[in-house]
């Protein structure tokens, strides 16, 4: 959305390893009836640098219909044919973007002063992949950005209404027959394990039932709805979801499903991003931010093995 107040390199650094996060996805989610949220977007970033591959950060931006970045009227659905002129990708605000990741690039190459970067890491990466050869040739500056293998492949998210389905009836096993000469402590431990396995299976079966109609669903959007968890472990309590700085509670905006991993070409075992569910929580009031970006909250739930 708007270029003003773009998150800087520090905001887009992994909180665990400190390296730049990679853009994962964005959701355009305007709020009907809210003049200050006519344009509203949620932007999710993740760490894909091994051995970390665990950091996550999410940002929200919203603008009224009349703003400094977009025209008041929507673009034509039948645009005129191409005139042959090259499309300029520089933002009208003059914000310089990193050649590697496309995020705010406050650093510049000290030799040519034409290449911008978010960090020393991305300047080094770009230097190795071609800028070293073109840096000293200002008349032949490389406007074509090489593939740095930092960003994920690009896809459009196709939106469809989710059908309601009846949950399957899951029979509850009777563990009352666990008897014998075992001690009370062992009996209680086995009973606890049995109940845990039964609860885990119920939760996972509910998850499988929900996605059965749309096995390729990569994102489930529903502001204020309850997440569908993939495991009984690591489910956040209300106290685990921090309030917005404005004082309002945060509610679920959407959840990212594990099926998205199939499209990201990130399948190196133990050295790639992985999750069961990513649950994104945003300010319930969607507090007004002017033209800036505010950080929201994301909860990562992994698939856990049943003991």
Foldseek 3Di string as FASTA:
>chain_A
DDPPAFDAQQLQAFPPPRHGWAWDDKDFDADPPDQAANTKMKTKTFDWFPPPRGGIWMKMFGGGLDDDQDDNDDDDPDDDDDPPDDDDPQGPVRFAAALQRRGGFPDADPQQRPHTHRDPVSVVLQCVVPCVPCSVPNVPHPPPRDHSVRYFDDDDDDDDDFDDDDQDDDDDDDPPPPDDDDDPVVVVVVVVLSVQVRVFVSLQSRVCVRCVVPVLDFKFFDWQDDDRANGPPPDDDQVVADADPVRAGWGWGMKTAQSVVVRGPFPDVSNGHGAHMKTWIDGPVNDRDHRHMDIHDIGTHHDDDRD
